[in-house]
């Protein structure tokens, strides 16, 4: 079973790839829009990338309510 730290590291890596930002700029408390400059289309890309990375299906409404890297990590852990 993965720990939250393992999940967080993978979320950070995927987030940096999708948003095309340096991985060092992505922290647990980073907010997708305000801190990382995500646009609405990128939010959908992030959901798809998380689903692929973790082999999960995220409810779209719940997933779009996730606003930060830490939120995404906790959400992914809660459904795996």
PDB file of N, CA and C in Angstrom:
ATOM      1  N   UNK A   1       0.843  -1.189   0.000  1.00  0.00           N
ATOM      2  CA  UNK A   1       0.000   0.000   0.000  1.00  0.00           C
ATOM      3  C   UNK A   1       0.889   1.254   0.000  1.00  0.00           C
ATOM      4  N   UNK A   2       0.534   2.181  -0.840  1.00  0.00           N
ATOM      5  CA  UNK A   2       1.312   3.408  -0.918  1.00  0.00           C
ATOM      6  C   UNK A   2       1.001   4.326   0.242  1.00  0.00           C
ATOM      7  N   UNK A   3       1.976   5.107   0.594  1.00  0.00           N
ATOM      8  CA  UNK A   3       1.745   6.122   1.614  1.00  0.00           C
ATOM      9  C   UNK A   3       1.310   7.412   0.942  1.00  0.00           C
ATOM     10  N   UNK A   4       0.812   8.349   1.750  1.00  0.00           N
ATOM     11  CA  UNK A   4       0.419   9.645   1.210  1.00  0.00           C
ATOM     12  C   UNK A   4       1.614  10.319   0.543  1.00  0.00           C
ATOM     13  N   UNK A   5       2.819  10.118   1.092  1.00  0.00           N
ATOM     14  CA  UNK A   5       4.009  10.730   0.507  1.00  0.00           C
ATOM     15  C   UNK A   5       4.250  10.208  -0.905  1.00  0.00           C
ATOM     16  N   UNK A   6       4.082   8.900  -1.122  1.00  0.00           N
ATOM     17  CA  UNK A   6       4.241   8.333  -2.461  1.00  0.00           C
ATOM     18  C   UNK A   6       3.211   8.927  -3.417  1.00  0.00           C
ATOM     19  N   UNK A   7       1.969   8.986  -2.953  1.00  0.00           N
ATOM     20  CA  UNK A   7       0.906   9.561  -3.782  1.00  0.00           C
ATOM     21  C   UNK A   7       1.217  11.016  -4.089  1.00  0.00           C
ATOM     22  N   UNK A   8       1.622  11.770  -3.078  1.00  0.00           N
ATOM     23  CA  UNK A   8       1.940  13.188  -3.266  1.00  0.00           C
ATOM     24  C   UNK A   8       3.046  13.373  -4.298  1.00  0.00           C
ATOM     25  N   UNK A   9       4.093  12.571  -4.206  1.00  0.00           N
ATOM     26  CA  UNK A   9       5.197  12.688  -5.175  1.00  0.00           C
ATOM     27  C   UNK A   9       4.701  12.452  -6.597  1.00  0.00           C
ATOM     28  N   UNK A  10       3.836  11.467  -6.763  1.00  0.00           N
ATOM     29  CA  UNK A  10       3.299  11.177  -8.107  1.00  0.00           C
ATOM     30  C   UNK A  10       2.363  12.289  -8.574  1.00  0.00           C
ATOM     31  N   UNK A  11       1.549  12.828  -7.670  1.00  0.00           N
ATOM     32  CA  UNK A  11       0.651  13.942  -8.021  1.00  0.00           C
ATOM     33  C   UNK A  11       1.483  15.151  -8.446  1.00  0.00           C
ATOM     34  N   UNK A  12       2.544  15.439  -7.713  1.00  0.00           N
ATOM     35  CA  UNK A  12       3.412  16.574  -8.055  1.00  0.00           C
ATOM     36  C   UNK A  12       4.030  16.371  -9.444  1.00  0.00           C
ATOM     37  N   UNK A  13       4.521  15.170  -9.709  1.00  0.00           N
ATOM     38  CA  UNK A  13       5.153  14.889 -11.004  1.00  0.00           C
ATOM     39  C   UNK A  13       4.162  15.066 -12.154  1.00  0.00           C
ATOM     40  N   UNK A  14       2.969  14.500 -12.004  1.00  0.00           N
ATOM     41  CA  UNK A  14       1.944  14.596 -13.047  1.00  0.00           C
ATOM     42  C   UNK A  14       1.500  16.052 -13.221  1.00  0.00           C
ATOM     43  N   UNK A  15       1.306  16.759 -12.119  1.00  0.00           N
ATOM     44  CA  UNK A  15       0.881  18.160 -12.178  1.00  0.00           C
ATOM     45  C   UNK A  15       1.902  19.005 -12.929  1.00  0.00           C
ATOM     46  N   UNK A  16       3.177  18.825 -12.618  1.00  0.00           N
ATOM     47  CA  UNK A  16       4.235  19.587 -13.291  1.00  0.00           C
ATOM     48  C   UNK A  16       4.249  19.297 -14.789  1.00  0.00           C
ATOM     49  N   UNK A  17       4.067  18.020 -15.160  1.00  0.00           N
ATOM     50  CA  UNK A  17       4.066  17.650 -16.578  1.00  0.00           C
ATOM     51  C   UNK A  17       2.889  18.287 -17.316  1.00  0.00           C
ATOM     52  N   UNK A  18       1.690  18.168 -16.739  1.00  0.00           N
ATOM     53  CA  UNK A  18       0.493  18.669 -17.419  1.00  0.00           C
ATOM     54  C   UNK A  18       0.517  20.198 -17.521  1.00  0.00           C
ATOM     55  N   UNK A  19       0.921  20.871 -16.444  1.00  0.00           N
ATOM     56  CA  UNK A  19       0.901  22.339 -16.430  1.00  0.00           C
ATOM     57  C   UNK A  19       2.186  22.951 -16.983  1.00  0.00           C
ATOM     58  N   UNK A  20       3.142  22.074 -17.333  1.00  0.00           N
ATOM     59  CA  UNK A  20       4.414  22.522 -17.904  1.00  0.00           C
ATOM     60  C   UNK A  20       5.111  23.550 -17.004  1.00  0.00           C
ATOM     61  N   UNK A  21       5.195  23.198 -15.715  1.00  0.00           N
ATOM     62  CA  UNK A  21       5.932  24.014 -14.759  1.00  0.00           C
ATOM     63  C   UNK A  21       7.050  23.164 -14.162  1.00  0.00           C
ATOM     64  N   UNK A  22       8.048  23.822 -13.632  1.00  0.00           N
ATOM     65  CA  UNK A  22       9.151  23.104 -12.998  1.00  0.00           C
ATOM     66  C   UNK A  22       8.623  22.379 -11.778  1.00  0.00           C
ATOM     67  N   UNK A  23       9.013  21.133 -11.629  1.00  0.00           N
ATOM     68  CA  UNK A  23       8.523  20.309 -10.519  1.00  0.00           C
ATOM     69  C   UNK A  23       8.839  20.953  -9.169  1.00  0.00           C
ATOM     70  N   UNK A  24       9.896  21.745  -9.092  1.00  0.00           N
ATOM     71  CA  UNK A  24      10.260  22.394  -7.829  1.00  0.00           C
ATOM     72  C   UNK A  24       9.251  23.467  -7.419  1.00  0.00           C
ATOM     73  N   UNK A  25       8.442  23.940  -8.367  1.00  0.00           N
ATOM     74  CA  UNK A  25       7.420  24.952  -8.057  1.00  0.00           C
ATOM     75  C   UNK A  25       6.137  24.334  -7.520  1.00  0.00           C
ATOM     76  N   UNK A  26       5.999  23.030  -7.639  1.00  0.00           N
ATOM     77  CA  UNK A  26       4.766  22.352  -7.237  1.00  0.00           C
ATOM     78  C   UNK A  26       4.942  21.804  -5.819  1.00  0.00           C
ATOM     79  N   UNK A  27       4.167  22.349  -4.898  1.00  0.00           N
ATOM     80  CA  UNK A  27       4.216  21.941  -3.495  1.00  0.00           C
ATOM     81  C   UNK A  27       2.854  21.404  -3.084  1.00  0.00           C
ATOM     82  N   UNK A  28       2.795  20.772  -1.924  1.00  0.00           N
ATOM     83  CA  UNK A  28       1.522  20.224  -1.454  1.00  0.00           C
ATOM     84  C   UNK A  28       0.453  21.299  -1.326  1.00  0.00           C
ATOM     85  N   UNK A  29       0.835  22.508  -0.915  1.00  0.00           N
ATOM     86  CA  UNK A  29      -0.154  23.569  -0.729  1.00  0.00           C
ATOM     87  C   UNK A  29      -0.363  24.425  -1.976  1.00  0.00           C
ATOM     88  N   UNK A  30       0.262  24.059  -3.104  1.00  0.00           N
ATOM     89  CA  UNK A  30       0.086  24.808  -4.357  1.00  0.00           C
ATOM     90  C   UNK A  30      -1.342  24.669  -4.864  1.00  0.00           C
ATOM     91  N   UNK A  31      -1.948  25.809  -5.179  1.00  0.00           N
ATOM     92  CA  UNK A  31      -3.293  25.802  -5.768  1.00  0.00           C
ATOM     93  C   UNK A  31      -3.140  25.820  -7.283  1.00  0.00           C
ATOM     94  N   UNK A  32      -3.929  25.004  -7.946  1.00  0.00           N
ATOM     95  CA  UNK A  32      -3.767  24.816  -9.388  1.00  0.00           C
ATOM     96  C   UNK A  32      -3.895  26.119 -10.165  1.00  0.00           C
ATOM     97  N   UNK A  33      -4.945  26.894  -9.894  1.00  0.00           N
ATOM     98  CA  UNK A  33      -5.187  28.103 -10.675  1.00  0.00           C
ATOM     99  C   UNK A  33      -4.340  29.266 -10.170  1.00  0.00           C
ATOM    100  N   UNK A  34      -4.466  29.582  -8.896  1.00  0.00           N
ATOM    101  CA  UNK A  34      -3.813  30.783  -8.364  1.00  0.00           C
ATOM    102  C   UNK A  34      -2.291  30.668  -8.354  1.00  0.00           C
ATOM    103  N   UNK A  35      -1.758  29.520  -7.921  1.00  0.00           N
ATOM    104  CA  UNK A  35      -0.305  29.393  -7.778  1.00  0.00           C
ATOM    105  C   UNK A  35       0.392  28.838  -9.015  1.00  0.00           C
ATOM    106  N   UNK A  36      -0.295  27.946  -9.735  1.00  0.00           N
ATOM    107  CA  UNK A  36       0.356  27.257 -10.858  1.00  0.00           C
ATOM    108  C   UNK A  36      -0.161  27.701 -12.227  1.00  0.00           C
ATOM    109  N   UNK A  37      -1.145  28.609 -12.246  1.00  0.00           N
ATOM    110  CA  UNK A  37      -1.618  29.183 -13.495  1.00  0.00           C
ATOM    111  C   UNK A  37      -2.443  28.261 -14.374  1.00  0.00           C
ATOM    112  N   UNK A  38      -3.073  27.249 -13.779  1.00  0.00           N
ATOM    113  CA  UNK A  38      -3.873  26.312 -14.574  1.00  0.00           C
ATOM    114  C   UNK A  38      -5.089  27.026 -15.167  1.00  0.00           C
ATOM    115  N   UNK A  39      -5.382  26.691 -16.405  1.00  0.00           N
ATOM    116  CA  UNK A  39      -6.588  27.191 -17.063  1.00  0.00           C
ATOM    117  C   UNK A  39      -7.624  26.073 -17.040  1.00  0.00           C
ATOM    118  N   UNK A  40      -8.873  26.419 -17.321  1.00  0.00           N
ATOM    119  CA  UNK A  40      -9.954  25.437 -17.159  1.00  0.00           C
ATOM    120  C   UNK A  40      -9.726  24.172 -17.984  1.00  0.00           C
ATOM    121  N   UNK A  41      -9.227  24.295 -19.200  1.00  0.00           N
ATOM    122  CA  UNK A  41      -8.987  23.107 -20.012  1.00  0.00           C
ATOM    123  C   UNK A  41      -7.909  22.231 -19.378  1.00  0.00           C
ATOM    124  N   UNK A  42      -6.962  22.847 -18.700  1.00  0.00           N
ATOM    125  CA  UNK A  42      -5.903  22.075 -18.050  1.00  0.00           C
ATOM    126  C   UNK A  42      -6.434  21.307 -16.845  1.00  0.00           C
ATOM    127  N   UNK A  43      -7.489  21.812 -16.215  1.00  0.00           N
ATOM    128  CA  UNK A  43      -8.103  21.081 -15.103  1.00  0.00           C
ATOM    129  C   UNK A  43      -8.609  19.729 -15.577  1.00  0.00           C
ATOM    130  N   UNK A  44      -9.202  19.705 -16.750  1.00  0.00           N
ATOM    131  CA  UNK A  44      -9.701  18.449 -17.317  1.00  0.00           C
ATOM    132  C   UNK A  44      -8.525  17.540 -17.675  1.00  0.00           C
ATOM    133  N   UNK A  45      -7.458  18.130 -18.218  1.00  0.00           N
ATOM    134  CA  UNK A  45      -6.258  17.353 -18.536  1.00  0.00           C
ATOM    135  C   UNK A  45      -5.645  16.761 -17.274  1.00  0.00           C
ATOM    136  N   UNK A  46      -5.657  17.521 -16.182  1.00  0.00           N
ATOM    137  CA  UNK A  46      -5.116  17.019 -14.914  1.00  0.00           C
ATOM    138  C   UNK A  46      -5.905  15.816 -14.428  1.00  0.00           C
ATOM    139  N   UNK A  47      -7.234  15.910 -14.475  1.00  0.00           N
ATOM    140  CA  UNK A  47      -8.079  14.791 -14.042  1.00  0.00           C
ATOM    141  C   UNK A  47      -7.739  13.548 -14.862  1.00  0.00           C
ATOM    142  N   UNK A  48      -7.648  13.709 -16.181  1.00  0.00           N
ATOM    143  CA  UNK A  48      -7.332  12.577 -17.054  1.00  0.00           C
ATOM    144  C   UNK A  48      -5.949  12.003 -16.731  1.00  0.00           C
ATOM    145  N   UNK A  49      -5.000  12.883 -16.466  1.00  0.00           N
ATOM    146  CA  UNK A  49      -3.638  12.427 -16.166  1.00  0.00           C
ATOM    147  C   UNK A  49      -3.584  11.690 -14.826  1.00  0.00           C
ATOM    148  N   UNK A  50      -4.324  12.179 -13.832  1.00  0.00           N
ATOM    149  CA  UNK A  50      -4.370  11.489 -12.539  1.00  0.00           C
ATOM    150  C   UNK A  50      -5.036  10.129 -12.681  1.00  0.00           C
ATOM    151  N   UNK A  51      -6.106  10.081 -13.471  1.00  0.00           N
ATOM    152  CA  UNK A  51      -6.789   8.802 -13.690  1.00  0.00           C
ATOM    153  C   UNK A  51      -5.841   7.790 -14.319  1.00  0.00           C
ATOM    154  N   UNK A  52      -5.078   8.238 -15.301  1.00  0.00           N
ATOM    155  CA  UNK A  52      -4.140   7.335 -15.975  1.00  0.00           C
ATOM    156  C   UNK A  52      -3.007   6.922 -15.037  1.00  0.00           C
ATOM    157  N   UNK A  53      -2.446   7.872 -14.323  1.00  0.00           N
ATOM    158  CA  UNK A  53      -1.316   7.598 -13.421  1.00  0.00           C
ATOM    159  C   UNK A  53      -1.688   6.608 -12.321  1.00  0.00           C
ATOM    160  N   UNK A  54      -2.900   6.750 -11.778  1.00  0.00           N
ATOM    161  CA  UNK A  54      -3.284   5.948 -10.617  1.00  0.00           C
ATOM    162  C   UNK A  54      -4.258   4.816 -10.944  1.00  0.00           C
ATOM    163  N   UNK A  55      -4.685   4.705 -12.206  1.00  0.00           N
ATOM    164  CA  UNK A  55      -5.607   3.643 -12.583  1.00  0.00           C
ATOM    165  C   UNK A  55      -6.951   3.763 -11.876  1.00  0.00           C
ATOM    166  N   UNK A  56      -7.449   4.996 -11.802  1.00  0.00           N
ATOM    167  CA  UNK A  56      -8.708   5.267 -11.094  1.00  0.00           C
ATOM    168  C   UNK A  56      -9.667   6.004 -12.013  1.00  0.00           C
ATOM    169  N   UNK A  57     -10.913   6.125 -11.564  1.00  0.00           N
ATOM    170  CA  UNK A  57     -11.874   7.002 -12.223  1.00  0.00           C
ATOM    171  C   UNK A  57     -12.348   8.009 -11.215  1.00  0.00           C
ATOM    172  N   UNK A  58     -12.231   9.274 -11.575  1.00  0.00           N
ATOM    173  CA  UNK A  58     -12.620  10.354 -10.675  1.00  0.00           C
ATOM    174  C   UNK A  58     -13.966  10.911 -11.123  1.00  0.00           C
ATOM    175  N   UNK A  59     -14.865  11.105 -10.177  1.00  0.00           N
ATOM    176  CA  UNK A  59     -16.128  11.771 -10.471  1.00  0.00           C
ATOM    177  C   UNK A  59     -15.797  13.210 -10.883  1.00  0.00           C
ATOM    178  N   UNK A  60     -16.295  13.624 -12.055  1.00  0.00           N
ATOM    179  CA  UNK A  60     -15.886  14.906 -12.619  1.00  0.00           C
ATOM    180  C   UNK A  60     -16.220  16.087 -11.708  1.00  0.00           C
ATOM    181  N   UNK A  61     -17.430  16.110 -11.143  1.00  0.00           N
ATOM    182  CA  UNK A  61     -17.814  17.227 -10.280  1.00  0.00           C
ATOM    183  C   UNK A  61     -16.941  17.291  -9.030  1.00  0.00           C
ATOM    184  N   UNK A  62     -16.718  16.137  -8.418  1.00  0.00           N
ATOM    185  CA  UNK A  62     -15.864  16.106  -7.229  1.00  0.00           C
ATOM    186  C   UNK A  62     -14.431  16.483  -7.586  1.00  0.00           C
ATOM    187  N   UNK A  63     -13.958  15.989  -8.701  1.00  0.00           N
ATOM    188  CA  UNK A  63     -12.578  16.260  -9.110  1.00  0.00           C
ATOM    189  C   UNK A  63     -12.368  17.749  -9.379  1.00  0.00           C
ATOM    190  N   UNK A  64     -13.340  18.396  -9.983  1.00  0.00           N
ATOM    191  CA  UNK A  64     -13.193  19.816 -10.293  1.00  0.00           C
ATOM    192  C   UNK A  64     -13.286  20.681  -9.040  1.00  0.00           C
ATOM    193  N   UNK A  65     -13.782  20.129  -7.948  1.00  0.00           N
ATOM    194  CA  UNK A  65     -13.822  20.855  -6.671  1.00  0.00           C
ATOM    195  C   UNK A  65     -12.463  20.839  -5.978  1.00  0.00           C
ATOM    196  N   UNK A  66     -11.559  20.000  -6.449  1.00  0.00           N
ATOM    197  CA  UNK A  66     -10.218  19.903  -5.882  1.00  0.00           C
ATOM    198  C   UNK A  66      -9.418  21.120  -6.358  1.00  0.00           C
ATOM    199  N   UNK A  67      -8.891  21.891  -5.405  1.00  0.00           N
ATOM    200  CA  UNK A  67      -8.246  23.160  -5.766  1.00  0.00           C
ATOM    201  C   UNK A  67      -6.737  23.187  -5.571  1.00  0.00           C
ATOM    202  N   UNK A  68      -6.190  22.209  -4.847  1.00  0.00           N
ATOM    203  CA  UNK A  68      -4.746  22.239  -4.582  1.00  0.00           C
ATOM    204  C   UNK A  68      -4.142  20.845  -4.754  1.00  0.00           C
ATOM    205  N   UNK A  69      -2.825  20.815  -4.796  1.00  0.00           N
ATOM    206  CA  UNK A  69      -2.106  19.547  -4.939  1.00  0.00           C
ATOM    207  C   UNK A  69      -2.411  18.630  -3.753  1.00  0.00           C
ATOM    208  N   UNK A  70      -2.437  19.187  -2.552  1.00  0.00           N
ATOM    209  CA  UNK A  70      -2.748  18.397  -1.360  1.00  0.00           C
ATOM    210  C   UNK A  70      -4.160  17.843  -1.403  1.00  0.00           C
ATOM    211  N   UNK A  71      -5.115  18.680  -1.864  1.00  0.00           N
ATOM    212  CA  UNK A  71      -6.505  18.217  -2.013  1.00  0.00           C
ATOM    213  C   UNK A  71      -6.567  17.036  -2.974  1.00  0.00           C
ATOM    214  N   UNK A  72      -5.848  17.152  -4.092  1.00  0.00           N
ATOM    215  CA  UNK A  72      -5.852  16.080  -5.093  1.00  0.00           C
ATOM    216  C   UNK A  72      -5.272  14.800  -4.504  1.00  0.00           C
ATOM    217  N   UNK A  73      -4.207  14.936  -3.740  1.00  0.00           N
ATOM    218  CA  UNK A  73      -3.564  13.772  -3.122  1.00  0.00           C
ATOM    219  C   UNK A  73      -4.525  13.059  -2.176  1.00  0.00           C
ATOM    220  N   UNK A  74      -5.179  13.840  -1.305  1.00  0.00           N
ATOM    221  CA  UNK A  74      -6.128  13.249  -0.351  1.00  0.00           C
ATOM    222  C   UNK A  74      -7.323  12.628  -1.079  1.00  0.00           C
ATOM    223  N   UNK A  75      -7.805  13.289  -2.131  1.00  0.00           N
ATOM    224  CA  UNK A  75      -8.942  12.778  -2.901  1.00  0.00           C
ATOM    225  C   UNK A  75      -8.574  11.450  -3.560  1.00  0.00           C
ATOM    226  N   UNK A  76      -7.423  11.402  -4.185  1.00  0.00           N
ATOM    227  CA  UNK A  76      -6.981  10.171  -4.858  1.00  0.00           C
ATOM    228  C   UNK A  76      -6.829   9.041  -3.836  1.00  0.00           C
ATOM    229  N   UNK A  77      -6.199   9.344  -2.707  1.00  0.00           N
ATOM    230  CA  UNK A  77      -6.049   8.317  -1.658  1.00  0.00           C
ATOM    231  C   UNK A  77      -7.395   7.821  -1.158  1.00  0.00           C
ATOM    232  N   UNK A  78      -8.382   8.705  -1.115  1.00  0.00           N
ATOM    233  CA  UNK A  78      -9.697   8.322  -0.563  1.00  0.00           C
ATOM    234  C   UNK A  78     -10.474   7.386  -1.486  1.00  0.00           C
ATOM    235  N   UNK A  79     -10.150   7.390  -2.787  1.00  0.00           N
ATOM    236  CA  UNK A  79     -10.918   6.546  -3.718  1.00  0.00           C
ATOM    237  C   UNK A  79     -10.135   5.321  -4.190  1.00  0.00           C
ATOM    238  N   UNK A  80      -8.904   5.167  -3.743  1.00  0.00           N
ATOM    239  CA  UNK A  80      -8.108   4.015  -4.167  1.00  0.00           C
ATOM    240  C   UNK A  80      -8.272   2.884  -3.198  1.00  0.00           C
TER     241      UNK A  80
END
